[in-house]
């Protein structure tokens, strides 16, 4: 099931992506006589359907399964996707966590990857969700304060479905609601107060603050439920800029798997339903190639099974 959020007449709603259309979930619930589900869907906040072991989530799955056997009826509800604005799958998650340096394209042998895991741990940072998250086909403005080295990073993102604290890697995927795509946009040359006195931690905070510009976390186009992507370590990722392939990789190259990331973070942070974790990016970013984003360019991040996330870069 591909669940999304969209705007219709300036009102957020929840839907299900089907080919080139969107099925409003509240309409489907009302047709099935599930008033409790229809009420939960009002306001377009998918977090109201979580956790994934709740009665309302099970009702949603039952309604979709029942109606999926009647394609003609579903078609009657379909809204053209081209006429809708898709929003991030989660409106304002309590936490938007991201990983740095989690792909080892130069490490090929499993023994070396195992050694890397033992020697290190995941680098986790945060972005402010209310101002960085934007949806599919959004315009992202190049910040005038620092416009010259804006970078792209295609990432698989996890959306948590249940509260997780102290979860083992063996159990971790049971706590996932689904997966989406994130483009972790980065300002590689953010240098506030360039005449400042250099302090030892300035480079780290410059890097971190360069992640926080408004709109710098495009996310979407939907959340694909966990049952449709049972192995998150068997997915390909690609990113193009104006049709030119810039990044191509596979989640099999992660140093720390999705399950291991959840185990690590939940060992010291309580993960809540709706929290988003972006799991790192493969090779090909602009910092390595010298190709940074410019106004007028179109960036498309793709993960088969989830879809494509398009971002328009503007001045």
C-alpha atoms as a PDB file:
ATOM      1  CA  UNK A   1       0.000   0.000   0.000  1.00  0.00           C
ATOM      2  CA  UNK A   2       1.347   3.413  -0.997  1.00  0.00           C
ATOM      3  CA  UNK A   3      -0.058   5.964   1.431  1.00  0.00           C
ATOM      4  CA  UNK A   4       0.329   9.677   0.786  1.00  0.00           C
ATOM      5  CA  UNK A   5      -0.801  13.079   1.941  1.00  0.00           C
ATOM      6  CA  UNK A   6      -2.078  15.659  -0.520  1.00  0.00           C
ATOM      7  CA  UNK A   7      -3.655  19.072  -0.742  1.00  0.00           C
ATOM      8  CA  UNK A   8      -7.083  19.534  -2.265  1.00  0.00           C
ATOM      9  CA  UNK A   9      -8.642  23.007  -2.135  1.00  0.00           C
ATOM     10  CA  UNK A  10      -5.986  23.973   0.428  1.00  0.00           C
ATOM     11  CA  UNK A  11      -7.109  21.117   2.700  1.00  0.00           C
ATOM     12  CA  UNK A  12      -4.676  18.309   3.647  1.00  0.00           C
ATOM     13  CA  UNK A  13      -6.053  14.820   3.021  1.00  0.00           C
ATOM     14  CA  UNK A  14      -4.737  11.253   3.173  1.00  0.00           C
ATOM     15  CA  UNK A  15      -4.734   9.064   0.093  1.00  0.00           C
ATOM     16  CA  UNK A  16      -3.408   5.975  -1.598  1.00  0.00           C
ATOM     17  CA  UNK A  17      -1.312   6.252  -4.759  1.00  0.00           C
ATOM     18  CA  UNK A  18      -2.527   4.121  -7.674  1.00  0.00           C
ATOM     19  CA  UNK A  19      -0.795   4.551 -11.038  1.00  0.00           C
ATOM     20  CA  UNK A  20      -1.462   8.199 -12.010  1.00  0.00           C
ATOM     21  CA  UNK A  21      -4.202   8.739  -9.440  1.00  0.00           C
ATOM     22  CA  UNK A  22      -4.808   9.215  -5.746  1.00  0.00           C
ATOM     23  CA  UNK A  23      -7.658   7.549  -3.856  1.00  0.00           C
ATOM     24  CA  UNK A  24      -8.856   9.667  -0.903  1.00  0.00           C
ATOM     25  CA  UNK A  25      -8.806   7.318   2.070  1.00  0.00           C
ATOM     26  CA  UNK A  26     -11.524   9.160   3.970  1.00  0.00           C
ATOM     27  CA  UNK A  27     -13.907   8.639   1.040  1.00  0.00           C
ATOM     28  CA  UNK A  28     -13.069   4.927   0.945  1.00  0.00           C
ATOM     29  CA  UNK A  29     -13.631   4.652   4.701  1.00  0.00           C
ATOM     30  CA  UNK A  30     -16.983   6.435   4.483  1.00  0.00           C
ATOM     31  CA  UNK A  31     -18.118   4.185   1.637  1.00  0.00           C
ATOM     32  CA  UNK A  32     -17.224   1.130   3.720  1.00  0.00           C
ATOM     33  CA  UNK A  33     -19.206   2.465   6.670  1.00  0.00           C
ATOM     34  CA  UNK A  34     -16.071   2.848   8.811  1.00  0.00           C
ATOM     35  CA  UNK A  35     -16.897   6.173  10.467  1.00  0.00           C
ATOM     36  CA  UNK A  36     -14.185   5.756  13.113  1.00  0.00           C
ATOM     37  CA  UNK A  37     -11.558   5.417  10.384  1.00  0.00           C
ATOM     38  CA  UNK A  38     -13.044   8.277   8.363  1.00  0.00           C
ATOM     39  CA  UNK A  39     -12.899  10.525  11.428  1.00  0.00           C
ATOM     40  CA  UNK A  40      -9.281   9.563  12.094  1.00  0.00           C
ATOM     41  CA  UNK A  41      -8.351  10.545   8.544  1.00  0.00           C
ATOM     42  CA  UNK A  42      -9.802  14.051   8.851  1.00  0.00           C
ATOM     43  CA  UNK A  43      -7.098  16.698   8.783  1.00  0.00           C
ATOM     44  CA  UNK A  44      -4.744  14.620   6.686  1.00  0.00           C
ATOM     45  CA  UNK A  45      -2.415  13.490   9.488  1.00  0.00           C
ATOM     46  CA  UNK A  46      -1.181   9.933   8.936  1.00  0.00           C
ATOM     47  CA  UNK A  47       0.134   9.760  12.489  1.00  0.00           C
ATOM     48  CA  UNK A  48      -3.473   9.424  13.647  1.00  0.00           C
ATOM     49  CA  UNK A  49      -3.467   5.968  12.012  1.00  0.00           C
ATOM     50  CA  UNK A  50      -0.479   4.816  14.039  1.00  0.00           C
ATOM     51  CA  UNK A  51       0.755   2.711  15.742  1.00  0.00           C
ATOM     52  CA  UNK A  52       0.587  -0.121  13.236  1.00  0.00           C
ATOM     53  CA  UNK A  53      -0.770  -2.507  15.859  1.00  0.00           C
ATOM     54  CA  UNK A  54      -3.783  -0.233  16.520  1.00  0.00           C
ATOM     55  CA  UNK A  55      -7.395  -0.973  15.624  1.00  0.00           C
ATOM     56  CA  UNK A  56      -7.617   2.002  13.257  1.00  0.00           C
ATOM     57  CA  UNK A  57      -4.567   0.826  11.276  1.00  0.00           C
ATOM     58  CA  UNK A  58      -5.973  -2.688  10.988  1.00  0.00           C
ATOM     59  CA  UNK A  59      -9.294  -1.233   9.835  1.00  0.00           C
ATOM     60  CA  UNK A  60      -7.531   0.784   7.134  1.00  0.00           C
ATOM     61  CA  UNK A  61      -5.751  -2.332   5.876  1.00  0.00           C
ATOM     62  CA  UNK A  62      -9.037  -4.270   5.838  1.00  0.00           C
ATOM     63  CA  UNK A  63     -10.862  -1.530   3.922  1.00  0.00           C
ATOM     64  CA  UNK A  64      -8.129  -1.269   1.294  1.00  0.00           C
ATOM     65  CA  UNK A  65      -7.929  -5.058   0.916  1.00  0.00           C
ATOM     66  CA  UNK A  66     -11.694  -5.321   0.493  1.00  0.00           C
ATOM     67  CA  UNK A  67     -11.966  -2.538  -2.071  1.00  0.00           C
ATOM     68  CA  UNK A  68      -8.886  -3.651  -4.013  1.00  0.00           C
ATOM     69  CA  UNK A  69     -10.970  -6.525  -5.363  1.00  0.00           C
ATOM     70  CA  UNK A  70     -13.258  -4.026  -7.107  1.00  0.00           C
ATOM     71  CA  UNK A  71     -11.061  -1.921  -9.450  1.00  0.00           C
ATOM     72  CA  UNK A  72     -14.078  -0.272 -11.092  1.00  0.00           C
ATOM     73  CA  UNK A  73     -15.307   1.131  -7.793  1.00  0.00           C
ATOM     74  CA  UNK A  74     -11.832   2.348  -6.896  1.00  0.00           C
ATOM     75  CA  UNK A  75     -11.525   4.134 -10.232  1.00  0.00           C
ATOM     76  CA  UNK A  76     -14.639   6.157  -9.421  1.00  0.00           C
ATOM     77  CA  UNK A  77     -12.834   7.658  -6.411  1.00  0.00           C
ATOM     78  CA  UNK A  78      -9.544   8.356  -8.187  1.00  0.00           C
ATOM     79  CA  UNK A  79      -8.275  11.940  -8.371  1.00  0.00           C
ATOM     80  CA  UNK A  80      -5.681  12.844 -11.063  1.00  0.00           C
ATOM     81  CA  UNK A  81      -2.280  13.022  -9.410  1.00  0.00           C
ATOM     82  CA  UNK A  82      -1.178  15.754 -11.823  1.00  0.00           C
ATOM     83  CA  UNK A  83      -3.811  18.079 -10.335  1.00  0.00           C
ATOM     84  CA  UNK A  84      -2.787  17.523  -6.711  1.00  0.00           C
ATOM     85  CA  UNK A  85       0.027  18.757  -4.515  1.00  0.00           C
ATOM     86  CA  UNK A  86       1.675  15.866  -2.687  1.00  0.00           C
ATOM     87  CA  UNK A  87       2.828  16.635   0.838  1.00  0.00           C
ATOM     88  CA  UNK A  88       5.481  14.841   2.909  1.00  0.00           C
ATOM     89  CA  UNK A  89       4.030  11.513   4.150  1.00  0.00           C
ATOM     90  CA  UNK A  90       4.301  12.717   7.753  1.00  0.00           C
ATOM     91  CA  UNK A  91       3.231  16.283   8.484  1.00  0.00           C
ATOM     92  CA  UNK A  92       5.508  17.155  11.411  1.00  0.00           C
ATOM     93  CA  UNK A  93       7.149  14.052  12.856  1.00  0.00           C
ATOM     94  CA  UNK A  94       8.396  14.442  16.393  1.00  0.00           C
ATOM     95  CA  UNK A  95      11.876  13.552  15.158  1.00  0.00           C
ATOM     96  CA  UNK A  96      13.599  13.829  11.785  1.00  0.00           C
ATOM     97  CA  UNK A  97      16.854  11.902  12.128  1.00  0.00           C
ATOM     98  CA  UNK A  98      19.482  11.389   9.432  1.00  0.00           C
ATOM     99  CA  UNK A  99      22.700   9.410   9.099  1.00  0.00           C
ATOM    100  CA  UNK A 100      26.012  10.708   7.835  1.00  0.00           C
ATOM    101  CA  UNK A 101      28.604   8.494   6.154  1.00  0.00           C
ATOM    102  CA  UNK A 102      26.643   5.240   6.122  1.00  0.00           C
ATOM    103  CA  UNK A 103      27.615   3.954   2.662  1.00  0.00           C
ATOM    104  CA  UNK A 104      30.960   2.314   2.048  1.00  0.00           C
ATOM    105  CA  UNK A 105      31.217   2.100  -1.730  1.00  0.00           C
ATOM    106  CA  UNK A 106      34.896   1.232  -1.393  1.00  0.00           C
ATOM    107  CA  UNK A 107      34.232  -1.605   1.063  1.00  0.00           C
ATOM    108  CA  UNK A 108      33.191  -4.787  -0.759  1.00  0.00           C
ATOM    109  CA  UNK A 109      34.007  -7.790   1.371  1.00  0.00           C
ATOM    110  CA  UNK A 110      31.650  -8.690   4.193  1.00  0.00           C
ATOM    111  CA  UNK A 111      34.546  -9.180   6.594  1.00  0.00           C
ATOM    112  CA  UNK A 112      35.729  -5.602   6.039  1.00  0.00           C
ATOM    113  CA  UNK A 113      32.219  -4.252   6.556  1.00  0.00           C
ATOM    114  CA  UNK A 114      31.946  -6.238   9.777  1.00  0.00           C
ATOM    115  CA  UNK A 115      35.230  -4.707  10.960  1.00  0.00           C
ATOM    116  CA  UNK A 116      33.951  -1.248  10.079  1.00  0.00           C
ATOM    117  CA  UNK A 117      30.841  -1.840  12.188  1.00  0.00           C
ATOM    118  CA  UNK A 118      32.939  -2.947  15.144  1.00  0.00           C
ATOM    119  CA  UNK A 119      35.304   0.032  14.924  1.00  0.00           C
ATOM    120  CA  UNK A 120      32.649   2.715  14.519  1.00  0.00           C
ATOM    121  CA  UNK A 121      29.030   3.615  15.223  1.00  0.00           C
ATOM    122  CA  UNK A 122      26.384   5.479  13.199  1.00  0.00           C
ATOM    123  CA  UNK A 123      26.663   9.263  12.996  1.00  0.00           C
ATOM    124  CA  UNK A 124      23.146  10.602  13.620  1.00  0.00           C
ATOM    125  CA  UNK A 125      22.059  14.220  13.247  1.00  0.00           C
ATOM    126  CA  UNK A 126      18.711  16.029  13.091  1.00  0.00           C
ATOM    127  CA  UNK A 127      16.879  18.510  10.866  1.00  0.00           C
ATOM    128  CA  UNK A 128      13.989  20.713  12.029  1.00  0.00           C
ATOM    129  CA  UNK A 129      10.994  18.862  10.557  1.00  0.00           C
ATOM    130  CA  UNK A 130       8.497  21.731  10.498  1.00  0.00           C
ATOM    131  CA  UNK A 131      10.642  23.896   8.185  1.00  0.00           C
ATOM    132  CA  UNK A 132      12.833  21.480   6.198  1.00  0.00           C
ATOM    133  CA  UNK A 133      10.265  18.870   5.114  1.00  0.00           C
ATOM    134  CA  UNK A 134       8.634  19.550   1.729  1.00  0.00           C
ATOM    135  CA  UNK A 135       6.756  17.228  -0.602  1.00  0.00           C
ATOM    136  CA  UNK A 136       7.090  15.877  -4.124  1.00  0.00           C
ATOM    137  CA  UNK A 137       7.501  18.447  -6.940  1.00  0.00           C
ATOM    138  CA  UNK A 138       8.200  21.221  -4.461  1.00  0.00           C
ATOM    139  CA  UNK A 139      10.306  24.255  -5.205  1.00  0.00           C
ATOM    140  CA  UNK A 140      13.378  24.598  -2.997  1.00  0.00           C
ATOM    141  CA  UNK A 141      15.065  27.985  -2.909  1.00  0.00           C
ATOM    142  CA  UNK A 142      18.829  28.309  -3.019  1.00  0.00           C
ATOM    143  CA  UNK A 143      19.678  30.311   0.131  1.00  0.00           C
ATOM    144  CA  UNK A 144      20.993  33.736  -0.768  1.00  0.00           C
ATOM    145  CA  UNK A 145      23.168  33.727   2.355  1.00  0.00           C
ATOM    146  CA  UNK A 146      25.260  30.863   0.906  1.00  0.00           C
ATOM    147  CA  UNK A 147      24.309  29.887  -2.669  1.00  0.00           C
ATOM    148  CA  UNK A 148      27.388  28.310  -4.232  1.00  0.00           C
ATOM    149  CA  UNK A 149      27.675  24.720  -2.992  1.00  0.00           C
ATOM    150  CA  UNK A 150      24.189  23.260  -2.602  1.00  0.00           C
ATOM    151  CA  UNK A 151      24.355  19.466  -2.750  1.00  0.00           C
ATOM    152  CA  UNK A 152      21.976  16.529  -3.221  1.00  0.00           C
ATOM    153  CA  UNK A 153      21.774  13.199  -1.360  1.00  0.00           C
ATOM    154  CA  UNK A 154      19.234  10.494  -2.260  1.00  0.00           C
ATOM    155  CA  UNK A 155      18.345   8.371   0.773  1.00  0.00           C
ATOM    156  CA  UNK A 156      16.019   5.590   1.840  1.00  0.00           C
ATOM    157  CA  UNK A 157      14.008   6.820   4.805  1.00  0.00           C
ATOM    158  CA  UNK A 158      12.263   4.752   7.469  1.00  0.00           C
ATOM    159  CA  UNK A 159       8.958   5.805   9.028  1.00  0.00           C
ATOM    160  CA  UNK A 160       8.449   4.312  12.458  1.00  0.00           C
ATOM    161  CA  UNK A 161       5.138   2.585  13.122  1.00  0.00           C
ATOM    162  CA  UNK A 162       5.402   1.799  16.817  1.00  0.00           C
ATOM    163  CA  UNK A 163       7.158   3.141  19.899  1.00  0.00           C
ATOM    164  CA  UNK A 164      10.629   1.616  20.062  1.00  0.00           C
ATOM    165  CA  UNK A 165      13.028   1.702  22.994  1.00  0.00           C
ATOM    166  CA  UNK A 166      15.853  -0.788  23.454  1.00  0.00           C
ATOM    167  CA  UNK A 167      14.818  -2.768  20.384  1.00  0.00           C
ATOM    168  CA  UNK A 168      17.165  -5.444  19.034  1.00  0.00           C
ATOM    169  CA  UNK A 169      18.137  -5.564  15.365  1.00  0.00           C
ATOM    170  CA  UNK A 170      16.363  -8.907  15.091  1.00  0.00           C
ATOM    171  CA  UNK A 171      13.068  -7.251  16.079  1.00  0.00           C
ATOM    172  CA  UNK A 172      13.621  -3.777  14.648  1.00  0.00           C
ATOM    173  CA  UNK A 173      11.759  -4.104  11.338  1.00  0.00           C
ATOM    174  CA  UNK A 174       8.598  -5.106  13.208  1.00  0.00           C
ATOM    175  CA  UNK A 175       8.482  -1.510  14.472  1.00  0.00           C
ATOM    176  CA  UNK A 176       8.567   0.038  10.973  1.00  0.00           C
ATOM    177  CA  UNK A 177       5.396   1.388   9.350  1.00  0.00           C
ATOM    178  CA  UNK A 178       6.955   1.883   5.935  1.00  0.00           C
ATOM    179  CA  UNK A 179       9.559   3.545   3.764  1.00  0.00           C
ATOM    180  CA  UNK A 180       9.885   6.710   1.726  1.00  0.00           C
ATOM    181  CA  UNK A 181      12.521   8.769  -0.120  1.00  0.00           C
ATOM    182  CA  UNK A 182      14.456  11.722   1.260  1.00  0.00           C
ATOM    183  CA  UNK A 183      16.737  14.126  -0.576  1.00  0.00           C
ATOM    184  CA  UNK A 184      19.057  15.362   2.172  1.00  0.00           C
ATOM    185  CA  UNK A 185      19.970  18.714   0.636  1.00  0.00           C
ATOM    186  CA  UNK A 186      23.146  20.205   2.055  1.00  0.00           C
ATOM    187  CA  UNK A 187      24.943  23.537   1.949  1.00  0.00           C
ATOM    188  CA  UNK A 188      28.600  22.537   1.755  1.00  0.00           C
ATOM    189  CA  UNK A 189      29.967  26.059   2.079  1.00  0.00           C
ATOM    190  CA  UNK A 190      27.924  27.595   4.862  1.00  0.00           C
ATOM    191  CA  UNK A 191      30.276  29.975   6.665  1.00  0.00           C
ATOM    192  CA  UNK A 192      28.461  32.493   8.859  1.00  0.00           C
ATOM    193  CA  UNK A 193      30.645  35.404   9.916  1.00  0.00           C
ATOM    194  CA  UNK A 194      33.536  34.614   7.523  1.00  0.00           C
ATOM    195  CA  UNK A 195      35.913  36.973   9.387  1.00  0.00           C
ATOM    196  CA  UNK A 196      35.375  35.098  12.661  1.00  0.00           C
ATOM    197  CA  UNK A 197      38.054  33.650  14.871  1.00  0.00           C
ATOM    198  CA  UNK A 198      38.245  29.950  13.980  1.00  0.00           C
ATOM    199  CA  UNK A 199      37.384  27.588  16.817  1.00  0.00           C
ATOM    200  CA  UNK A 200      38.017  23.800  16.826  1.00  0.00           C
ATOM    201  CA  UNK A 201      34.331  22.858  16.455  1.00  0.00           C
ATOM    202  CA  UNK A 202      33.432  25.442  13.796  1.00  0.00           C
ATOM    203  CA  UNK A 203      33.759  23.026  10.824  1.00  0.00           C
ATOM    204  CA  UNK A 204      31.325  20.558  12.384  1.00  0.00           C
ATOM    205  CA  UNK A 205      28.711  23.194  13.175  1.00  0.00           C
ATOM    206  CA  UNK A 206      29.135  24.804   9.733  1.00  0.00           C
ATOM    207  CA  UNK A 207      28.373  21.387   8.215  1.00  0.00           C
ATOM    208  CA  UNK A 208      25.410  20.833  10.535  1.00  0.00           C
ATOM    209  CA  UNK A 209      23.895  24.295  10.079  1.00  0.00           C
ATOM    210  CA  UNK A 210      24.230  23.875   6.309  1.00  0.00           C
ATOM    211  CA  UNK A 211      21.689  21.054   6.570  1.00  0.00           C
ATOM    212  CA  UNK A 212      19.004  23.238   8.153  1.00  0.00           C
ATOM    213  CA  UNK A 213      17.913  25.702   5.450  1.00  0.00           C
ATOM    214  CA  UNK A 214      14.175  25.890   4.800  1.00  0.00           C
ATOM    215  CA  UNK A 215      13.000  23.171   2.416  1.00  0.00           C
ATOM    216  CA  UNK A 216      16.233  21.194   2.650  1.00  0.00           C
ATOM    217  CA  UNK A 217      14.521  17.837   3.217  1.00  0.00           C
ATOM    218  CA  UNK A 218      12.269  16.937   0.272  1.00  0.00           C
ATOM    219  CA  UNK A 219      10.396  13.769   1.228  1.00  0.00           C
ATOM    220  CA  UNK A 220       7.939  11.492  -0.587  1.00  0.00           C
ATOM    221  CA  UNK A 221       6.117  10.885  -2.799  1.00  0.00           C
ATOM    222  CA  UNK A 222       4.458   8.398  -0.412  1.00  0.00           C
ATOM    223  CA  UNK A 223       5.023   5.902   2.355  1.00  0.00           C
ATOM    224  CA  UNK A 224       5.173   2.330   1.099  1.00  0.00           C
ATOM    225  CA  UNK A 225       4.056  -0.024   3.843  1.00  0.00           C
ATOM    226  CA  UNK A 226       6.600  -2.473   5.194  1.00  0.00           C
ATOM    227  CA  UNK A 227       4.839  -5.549   3.801  1.00  0.00           C
ATOM    228  CA  UNK A 228       5.555  -4.377   0.235  1.00  0.00           C
ATOM    229  CA  UNK A 229       9.300  -3.918   0.895  1.00  0.00           C
ATOM    230  CA  UNK A 230      10.214  -6.823   3.180  1.00  0.00           C
ATOM    231  CA  UNK A 231      13.987  -6.416   2.638  1.00  0.00           C
ATOM    232  CA  UNK A 232      15.153  -2.794   2.911  1.00  0.00           C
ATOM    233  CA  UNK A 233      18.722  -3.905   2.146  1.00  0.00           C
ATOM    234  CA  UNK A 234      17.808  -4.958  -1.405  1.00  0.00           C
ATOM    235  CA  UNK A 235      16.814  -1.602  -2.906  1.00  0.00           C
ATOM    236  CA  UNK A 236      18.477   0.504  -5.587  1.00  0.00           C
ATOM    237  CA  UNK A 237      18.772   4.275  -5.357  1.00  0.00           C
ATOM    238  CA  UNK A 238      19.302   6.760  -8.180  1.00  0.00           C
ATOM    239  CA  UNK A 239      19.403  10.521  -8.465  1.00  0.00           C
ATOM    240  CA  UNK A 240      19.421  12.586 -11.628  1.00  0.00           C
ATOM    241  CA  UNK A 241      19.854  16.301 -12.223  1.00  0.00           C
ATOM    242  CA  UNK A 242      18.211  17.475 -15.453  1.00  0.00           C
ATOM    243  CA  UNK A 243      18.331  13.862 -16.639  1.00  0.00           C
ATOM    244  CA  UNK A 244      22.037  13.356 -15.870  1.00  0.00           C
ATOM    245  CA  UNK A 245      22.676  10.424 -13.542  1.00  0.00           C
ATOM    246  CA  UNK A 246      24.563  11.722 -10.505  1.00  0.00           C
ATOM    247  CA  UNK A 247      24.059   8.949  -7.922  1.00  0.00           C
ATOM    248  CA  UNK A 248      23.453   5.228  -8.279  1.00  0.00           C
ATOM    249  CA  UNK A 249      23.742   2.712  -5.482  1.00  0.00           C
ATOM    250  CA  UNK A 250      22.142  -0.024  -3.462  1.00  0.00           C
ATOM    251  CA  UNK A 251      21.089  -0.234   0.171  1.00  0.00           C
ATOM    252  CA  UNK A 252      23.123  -3.445   0.356  1.00  0.00           C
ATOM    253  CA  UNK A 253      26.172  -1.136   0.639  1.00  0.00           C
ATOM    254  CA  UNK A 254      25.075   0.395   3.927  1.00  0.00           C
ATOM    255  CA  UNK A 255      27.632  -0.011   6.688  1.00  0.00           C
ATOM    256  CA  UNK A 256      24.808  -0.154   9.227  1.00  0.00           C
ATOM    257  CA  UNK A 257      21.568  -1.756   8.040  1.00  0.00           C
ATOM    258  CA  UNK A 258      18.116  -0.340   8.695  1.00  0.00           C
ATOM    259  CA  UNK A 259      17.627  -2.824  11.534  1.00  0.00           C
ATOM    260  CA  UNK A 260      20.994  -1.963  13.081  1.00  0.00           C
ATOM    261  CA  UNK A 261      20.256   1.762  12.828  1.00  0.00           C
ATOM    262  CA  UNK A 262      16.971   1.327  14.702  1.00  0.00           C
ATOM    263  CA  UNK A 263      18.701  -0.823  17.310  1.00  0.00           C
ATOM    264  CA  UNK A 264      21.398   1.820  17.830  1.00  0.00           C
ATOM    265  CA  UNK A 265      19.102   4.862  18.002  1.00  0.00           C
ATOM    266  CA  UNK A 266      16.501   3.136  20.186  1.00  0.00           C
ATOM    267  CA  UNK A 267      19.227   2.196  22.678  1.00  0.00           C
ATOM    268  CA  UNK A 268      19.349   5.834  23.818  1.00  0.00           C
ATOM    269  CA  UNK A 269      16.336   7.594  22.218  1.00  0.00           C
ATOM    270  CA  UNK A 270      12.684   6.570  22.324  1.00  0.00           C
ATOM    271  CA  UNK A 271      11.493   6.367  18.728  1.00  0.00           C
ATOM    272  CA  UNK A 272       7.824   7.252  18.298  1.00  0.00           C
ATOM    273  CA  UNK A 273       5.241   6.458  15.618  1.00  0.00           C
ATOM    274  CA  UNK A 274       5.749   8.779  12.648  1.00  0.00           C
ATOM    275  CA  UNK A 275       9.425   9.483  13.346  1.00  0.00           C
ATOM    276  CA  UNK A 276      11.516   9.573  10.162  1.00  0.00           C
ATOM    277  CA  UNK A 277      15.057   8.179   9.883  1.00  0.00           C
ATOM    278  CA  UNK A 278      16.997   8.827   6.667  1.00  0.00           C
ATOM    279  CA  UNK A 279      19.666   6.157   6.330  1.00  0.00           C
ATOM    280  CA  UNK A 280      22.514   7.785   4.387  1.00  0.00           C
ATOM    281  CA  UNK A 281      23.483   8.273   0.754  1.00  0.00           C
ATOM    282  CA  UNK A 282      25.654   6.426  -1.803  1.00  0.00           C
ATOM    283  CA  UNK A 283      28.516   7.925  -3.792  1.00  0.00           C
ATOM    284  CA  UNK A 284      28.123  10.684  -6.370  1.00  0.00           C
ATOM    285  CA  UNK A 285      27.295  13.748  -4.297  1.00  0.00           C
ATOM    286  CA  UNK A 286      28.343  17.159  -5.567  1.00  0.00           C
ATOM    287  CA  UNK A 287      31.023  17.557  -2.911  1.00  0.00           C
ATOM    288  CA  UNK A 288      32.922  14.673  -4.511  1.00  0.00           C
ATOM    289  CA  UNK A 289      32.244  15.546  -8.157  1.00  0.00           C
ATOM    290  CA  UNK A 290      32.325  19.337  -7.995  1.00  0.00           C
ATOM    291  CA  UNK A 291      28.830  19.531  -9.533  1.00  0.00           C
ATOM    292  CA  UNK A 292      26.548  21.565  -7.296  1.00  0.00           C
ATOM    293  CA  UNK A 293      22.897  22.444  -7.775  1.00  0.00           C
ATOM    294  CA  UNK A 294      21.888  25.549  -9.714  1.00  0.00           C
ATOM    295  CA  UNK A 295      18.652  27.490 -10.019  1.00  0.00           C
ATOM    296  CA  UNK A 296      16.394  26.088 -12.733  1.00  0.00           C
ATOM    297  CA  UNK A 297      17.498  22.468 -12.300  1.00  0.00           C
ATOM    298  CA  UNK A 298      15.216  19.507 -11.684  1.00  0.00           C
ATOM    299  CA  UNK A 299      16.366  16.817  -9.263  1.00  0.00           C
ATOM    300  CA  UNK A 300      14.722  13.381  -9.308  1.00  0.00           C
ATOM    301  CA  UNK A 301      15.482  10.828  -6.583  1.00  0.00           C
ATOM    302  CA  UNK A 302      14.197   7.331  -7.330  1.00  0.00           C
ATOM    303  CA  UNK A 303      13.863   4.090  -5.377  1.00  0.00           C
ATOM    304  CA  UNK A 304      11.966   1.376  -7.315  1.00  0.00           C
ATOM    305  CA  UNK A 305       9.082   0.112  -5.256  1.00  0.00           C
ATOM    306  CA  UNK A 306       8.569   3.538  -3.702  1.00  0.00           C
ATOM    307  CA  UNK A 307       8.625   5.849  -6.715  1.00  0.00           C
ATOM    308  CA  UNK A 308      10.310   9.116  -7.629  1.00  0.00           C
ATOM    309  CA  UNK A 309      10.705  12.321  -5.649  1.00  0.00           C
ATOM    310  CA  UNK A 310      11.059  15.412  -7.822  1.00  0.00           C
ATOM    311  CA  UNK A 311      12.478  18.700  -6.572  1.00  0.00           C
ATOM    312  CA  UNK A 312      12.711  21.988  -8.502  1.00  0.00           C
ATOM    313  CA  UNK A 313      15.680  24.187  -7.536  1.00  0.00           C
ATOM    314  CA  UNK A 314      14.900  27.903  -7.790  1.00  0.00           C
ATOM    315  CA  UNK A 315      16.737  31.137  -7.070  1.00  0.00           C
END
